[in-house]
N, C-alpha and C. Protein backbone atom coordinates (compact mmCIF):
# COMPACT_ATOMS: atom_id res chain seq x y z
N MET A 1 115.66 127.72 91.20
CA MET A 1 115.31 126.87 90.09
C MET A 1 115.09 125.45 90.59
N LYS A 2 114.05 124.81 90.14
CA LYS A 2 113.71 123.45 90.55
C LYS A 2 114.66 122.46 89.91
N GLU A 3 115.15 121.51 90.73
CA GLU A 3 116.01 120.44 90.23
C GLU A 3 115.48 119.10 90.67
N ILE A 4 115.57 118.13 89.79
CA ILE A 4 115.16 116.76 90.09
C ILE A 4 116.29 116.09 90.88
N ILE A 5 115.92 115.35 91.93
CA ILE A 5 116.90 114.62 92.73
C ILE A 5 116.95 113.18 92.24
N VAL A 6 118.15 112.69 92.00
CA VAL A 6 118.38 111.29 91.65
C VAL A 6 119.37 110.74 92.67
N ALA A 7 118.95 109.76 93.44
CA ALA A 7 119.81 109.15 94.46
C ALA A 7 120.31 107.81 93.93
N ALA A 8 121.61 107.70 93.72
CA ALA A 8 122.20 106.49 93.14
C ALA A 8 121.95 105.25 93.98
N SER A 9 121.90 105.39 95.31
CA SER A 9 121.76 104.21 96.16
C SER A 9 120.31 103.86 96.48
N ALA A 10 119.36 104.67 96.05
CA ALA A 10 117.94 104.37 96.26
C ALA A 10 117.42 103.62 95.03
N PRO A 11 116.41 102.76 95.22
CA PRO A 11 115.87 102.04 94.07
C PRO A 11 115.18 102.99 93.10
N GLU A 12 115.13 102.59 91.84
CA GLU A 12 114.44 103.40 90.85
C GLU A 12 112.98 103.54 91.22
N ALA A 13 112.40 104.67 90.86
CA ALA A 13 110.99 104.91 91.15
C ALA A 13 110.12 103.92 90.38
N ILE A 14 109.04 103.51 91.02
CA ILE A 14 108.08 102.62 90.37
C ILE A 14 107.01 103.52 89.75
N GLY A 15 107.06 103.67 88.47
CA GLY A 15 106.13 104.57 87.80
C GLY A 15 106.82 105.85 87.38
N PRO A 16 106.03 106.82 86.91
CA PRO A 16 106.58 108.06 86.37
C PRO A 16 106.91 109.09 87.46
N TYR A 17 107.78 108.71 88.38
CA TYR A 17 108.12 109.58 89.50
C TYR A 17 109.62 109.81 89.54
N SER A 18 110.03 110.82 90.27
CA SER A 18 111.44 111.02 90.56
C SER A 18 111.64 110.74 92.04
N HIS A 19 112.88 110.61 92.45
CA HIS A 19 113.17 110.43 93.88
C HIS A 19 112.72 111.65 94.67
N GLY A 20 112.84 112.80 94.06
CA GLY A 20 112.44 114.02 94.73
C GLY A 20 112.81 115.24 93.90
N THR A 21 112.51 116.40 94.45
CA THR A 21 112.88 117.66 93.83
C THR A 21 113.43 118.58 94.90
N GLN A 22 114.24 119.52 94.47
CA GLN A 22 114.72 120.54 95.38
C GLN A 22 114.43 121.91 94.76
N PHE A 23 114.08 122.84 95.62
CA PHE A 23 113.77 124.19 95.17
C PHE A 23 114.04 125.16 96.30
N ASN A 24 114.80 126.18 96.00
CA ASN A 24 115.03 127.26 96.95
C ASN A 24 115.47 126.75 98.33
N GLY A 25 116.37 125.76 98.32
CA GLY A 25 116.90 125.23 99.57
C GLY A 25 116.05 124.18 100.24
N LEU A 26 114.89 123.86 99.65
CA LEU A 26 114.03 122.83 100.23
C LEU A 26 114.11 121.55 99.41
N ILE A 27 113.96 120.41 100.08
CA ILE A 27 114.00 119.10 99.47
C ILE A 27 112.64 118.43 99.70
N PHE A 28 111.99 118.03 98.62
CA PHE A 28 110.70 117.34 98.69
C PHE A 28 110.91 115.94 98.14
N THR A 29 110.76 114.93 98.98
CA THR A 29 110.99 113.57 98.51
C THR A 29 109.68 112.92 98.07
N SER A 30 109.81 111.96 97.17
CA SER A 30 108.69 111.08 96.86
C SER A 30 108.63 110.04 97.97
N GLY A 31 107.51 109.38 98.09
CA GLY A 31 107.39 108.31 99.08
C GLY A 31 108.39 107.20 98.76
N GLN A 32 109.10 106.75 99.77
CA GLN A 32 110.11 105.71 99.58
C GLN A 32 109.60 104.39 100.12
N LEU A 33 109.68 103.38 99.27
CA LEU A 33 109.23 102.04 99.62
C LEU A 33 110.39 101.22 100.17
N PRO A 34 110.09 100.09 100.80
CA PRO A 34 111.14 99.22 101.35
C PRO A 34 111.73 98.30 100.29
N VAL A 35 112.27 98.90 99.24
CA VAL A 35 112.87 98.15 98.15
C VAL A 35 114.38 98.30 98.25
N ASP A 36 115.09 97.19 98.22
CA ASP A 36 116.54 97.20 98.26
C ASP A 36 117.04 97.65 96.89
N GLY A 37 117.79 98.74 96.85
CA GLY A 37 118.27 99.28 95.58
C GLY A 37 119.21 98.35 94.84
N SER A 38 119.91 97.46 95.55
CA SER A 38 120.85 96.56 94.89
C SER A 38 120.17 95.35 94.24
N THR A 39 118.96 95.01 94.71
CA THR A 39 118.25 93.86 94.15
C THR A 39 116.95 94.25 93.46
N SER A 40 116.47 95.46 93.72
CA SER A 40 115.17 95.93 93.22
C SER A 40 114.01 95.09 93.73
N LYS A 41 114.19 94.47 94.88
CA LYS A 41 113.14 93.64 95.48
C LYS A 41 112.77 94.18 96.86
N VAL A 42 111.53 93.95 97.25
CA VAL A 42 111.07 94.33 98.59
C VAL A 42 111.87 93.51 99.60
N VAL A 43 112.34 94.15 100.67
CA VAL A 43 113.10 93.43 101.68
C VAL A 43 112.20 92.41 102.38
N GLU A 44 112.81 91.31 102.78
CA GLU A 44 112.07 90.27 103.51
C GLU A 44 111.89 90.71 104.95
N GLY A 45 110.84 90.19 105.57
CA GLY A 45 110.57 90.50 106.96
C GLY A 45 109.26 91.26 107.09
N GLY A 46 109.06 91.79 108.27
CA GLY A 46 107.82 92.48 108.57
C GLY A 46 107.96 93.99 108.58
N ILE A 47 107.14 94.62 109.38
CA ILE A 47 107.09 96.08 109.42
C ILE A 47 108.41 96.70 109.87
N THR A 48 109.13 96.05 110.78
CA THR A 48 110.41 96.61 111.25
C THR A 48 111.43 96.67 110.12
N GLU A 49 111.62 95.57 109.42
CA GLU A 49 112.59 95.52 108.32
C GLU A 49 112.18 96.44 107.18
N GLN A 50 110.89 96.48 106.88
CA GLN A 50 110.42 97.35 105.80
C GLN A 50 110.55 98.82 106.17
N SER A 51 110.27 99.16 107.42
CA SER A 51 110.42 100.54 107.86
C SER A 51 111.88 100.98 107.78
N GLN A 52 112.79 100.11 108.22
CA GLN A 52 114.21 100.45 108.17
C GLN A 52 114.68 100.68 106.74
N MET A 53 114.26 99.84 105.80
CA MET A 53 114.66 99.99 104.41
C MET A 53 114.07 101.26 103.80
N SER A 54 112.80 101.54 104.10
CA SER A 54 112.18 102.77 103.59
C SER A 54 112.93 104.00 104.10
N LEU A 55 113.31 103.97 105.37
CA LEU A 55 114.04 105.11 105.94
C LEU A 55 115.45 105.23 105.35
N GLN A 56 116.12 104.10 105.09
CA GLN A 56 117.43 104.16 104.44
C GLN A 56 117.31 104.80 103.05
N ASN A 57 116.27 104.40 102.31
CA ASN A 57 116.05 104.99 100.98
C ASN A 57 115.73 106.47 101.09
N LEU A 58 114.93 106.84 102.08
CA LEU A 58 114.58 108.24 102.30
C LEU A 58 115.83 109.07 102.60
N ILE A 59 116.70 108.56 103.46
CA ILE A 59 117.94 109.27 103.80
C ILE A 59 118.80 109.43 102.55
N ALA A 60 118.88 108.40 101.71
CA ALA A 60 119.67 108.48 100.48
C ALA A 60 119.17 109.61 99.58
N VAL A 61 117.86 109.76 99.48
CA VAL A 61 117.28 110.82 98.64
C VAL A 61 117.56 112.19 99.26
N ILE A 62 117.37 112.31 100.55
CA ILE A 62 117.64 113.59 101.22
C ILE A 62 119.10 113.99 101.06
N GLU A 63 120.01 113.03 101.24
CA GLU A 63 121.43 113.32 101.09
C GLU A 63 121.77 113.69 99.65
N ALA A 64 121.16 113.02 98.67
CA ALA A 64 121.39 113.36 97.26
C ALA A 64 120.91 114.77 96.95
N GLY A 65 119.93 115.24 97.72
CA GLY A 65 119.42 116.60 97.54
C GLY A 65 120.18 117.66 98.34
N GLY A 66 121.20 117.23 99.08
CA GLY A 66 122.03 118.19 99.82
C GLY A 66 121.65 118.36 101.27
N GLY A 67 120.81 117.49 101.80
CA GLY A 67 120.43 117.57 103.21
C GLY A 67 120.94 116.38 103.99
N ASP A 68 120.47 116.22 105.20
CA ASP A 68 120.75 115.04 106.01
C ASP A 68 119.61 114.85 107.00
N VAL A 69 119.71 113.83 107.84
CA VAL A 69 118.59 113.54 108.75
C VAL A 69 118.30 114.70 109.69
N ASN A 70 119.27 115.53 109.95
CA ASN A 70 119.06 116.67 110.85
C ASN A 70 118.36 117.85 110.19
N THR A 71 118.18 117.80 108.86
CA THR A 71 117.51 118.91 108.17
C THR A 71 116.06 118.60 107.83
N VAL A 72 115.57 117.44 108.28
CA VAL A 72 114.18 117.05 108.00
C VAL A 72 113.22 117.97 108.74
N LEU A 73 112.25 118.52 108.00
CA LEU A 73 111.24 119.41 108.57
C LEU A 73 109.92 118.70 108.78
N LYS A 74 109.60 117.77 107.90
CA LYS A 74 108.34 117.04 107.99
C LYS A 74 108.63 115.55 107.90
N THR A 75 107.85 114.73 108.57
CA THR A 75 108.05 113.32 108.87
C THR A 75 108.89 113.29 110.14
N ASP A 76 108.70 114.30 110.95
CA ASP A 76 109.41 114.46 112.21
C ASP A 76 108.38 115.02 113.18
N CYS A 77 108.40 114.58 114.40
CA CYS A 77 107.44 115.06 115.40
C CYS A 77 107.53 116.58 115.52
N PRO A 78 106.44 117.26 115.53
CA PRO A 78 105.08 116.79 115.34
C PRO A 78 104.56 116.98 113.92
N ALA A 79 105.36 117.52 113.00
CA ALA A 79 104.89 117.81 111.64
C ALA A 79 104.94 116.55 110.78
N ARG A 80 103.82 115.88 110.68
CA ARG A 80 103.76 114.66 109.88
C ARG A 80 102.33 114.41 109.45
N SER A 81 102.20 113.53 108.49
CA SER A 81 100.89 113.08 108.02
C SER A 81 100.90 111.57 107.98
N CYS A 82 99.84 110.96 108.43
CA CYS A 82 99.70 109.51 108.38
C CYS A 82 98.41 109.19 107.65
N PHE A 83 98.47 108.24 106.73
CA PHE A 83 97.31 107.86 105.95
C PHE A 83 97.11 106.35 106.04
N ALA A 84 95.88 105.96 106.11
CA ALA A 84 95.54 104.55 106.02
C ALA A 84 95.06 104.30 104.59
N VAL A 85 95.65 103.33 103.94
CA VAL A 85 95.26 102.99 102.58
C VAL A 85 95.04 101.48 102.50
N LYS A 86 94.26 101.09 101.53
CA LYS A 86 93.98 99.66 101.38
C LYS A 86 95.23 98.91 100.95
N ASP A 87 95.95 99.42 99.96
CA ASP A 87 97.14 98.75 99.44
C ASP A 87 98.18 99.77 99.04
N LEU A 88 99.44 99.40 99.20
CA LEU A 88 100.57 100.19 98.71
C LEU A 88 101.19 99.43 97.53
N PRO A 89 101.97 100.13 96.69
CA PRO A 89 102.60 99.44 95.57
C PRO A 89 103.42 98.24 96.04
N LEU A 90 103.43 97.19 95.25
CA LEU A 90 104.19 95.96 95.51
C LEU A 90 103.73 95.22 96.77
N GLY A 91 102.61 95.63 97.35
CA GLY A 91 102.11 94.97 98.54
C GLY A 91 102.91 95.24 99.80
N VAL A 92 103.69 96.32 99.80
CA VAL A 92 104.53 96.64 100.97
C VAL A 92 103.68 97.13 102.12
N LEU A 93 104.29 97.19 103.30
CA LEU A 93 103.59 97.58 104.51
C LEU A 93 103.75 99.05 104.87
N VAL A 94 104.74 99.74 104.27
CA VAL A 94 105.03 101.12 104.65
C VAL A 94 105.63 101.89 103.48
N GLU A 95 105.36 103.19 103.46
CA GLU A 95 105.96 104.13 102.51
C GLU A 95 106.18 105.42 103.28
N VAL A 96 107.35 106.03 103.11
CA VAL A 96 107.70 107.23 103.90
C VAL A 96 108.18 108.33 102.96
N GLU A 97 107.70 109.55 103.21
CA GLU A 97 108.18 110.73 102.46
C GLU A 97 108.61 111.79 103.46
N ALA A 98 109.29 112.81 102.98
CA ALA A 98 109.73 113.87 103.88
C ALA A 98 109.92 115.18 103.11
N ILE A 99 109.97 116.25 103.89
CA ILE A 99 110.40 117.56 103.41
C ILE A 99 111.60 117.91 104.29
N ALA A 100 112.67 118.35 103.66
CA ALA A 100 113.89 118.72 104.38
C ALA A 100 114.44 120.00 103.78
N HIS A 101 115.51 120.52 104.35
CA HIS A 101 116.20 121.66 103.75
C HIS A 101 117.65 121.29 103.54
N GLN A 102 118.26 122.00 102.62
CA GLN A 102 119.66 121.75 102.32
C GLN A 102 120.53 122.29 103.44
N LYS A 103 121.70 121.66 103.61
CA LYS A 103 122.64 122.10 104.64
C LYS A 103 123.25 123.43 104.26
């Protein structure tokens, strides 16, 4: 049965999205932006700081879905997708999503 994932420490989704869903032991995350969940603001700094915040949010969603960084199947070498886009929401520099499995 499909369940919606809500991660308390990740920022609320911007728009009509959920943090992710889980189904049959798999975790599908929405793209995570570099937004600090405690302030709801984009973190200051460049690509390094934004990448770190996006990954922290991604880990929070995966953990809320019953997985951890070791259960990631996609967004891990070599199974990944990279897209070039003109703009991301809030003018951020990076957005990261993943597919993982539950522990």
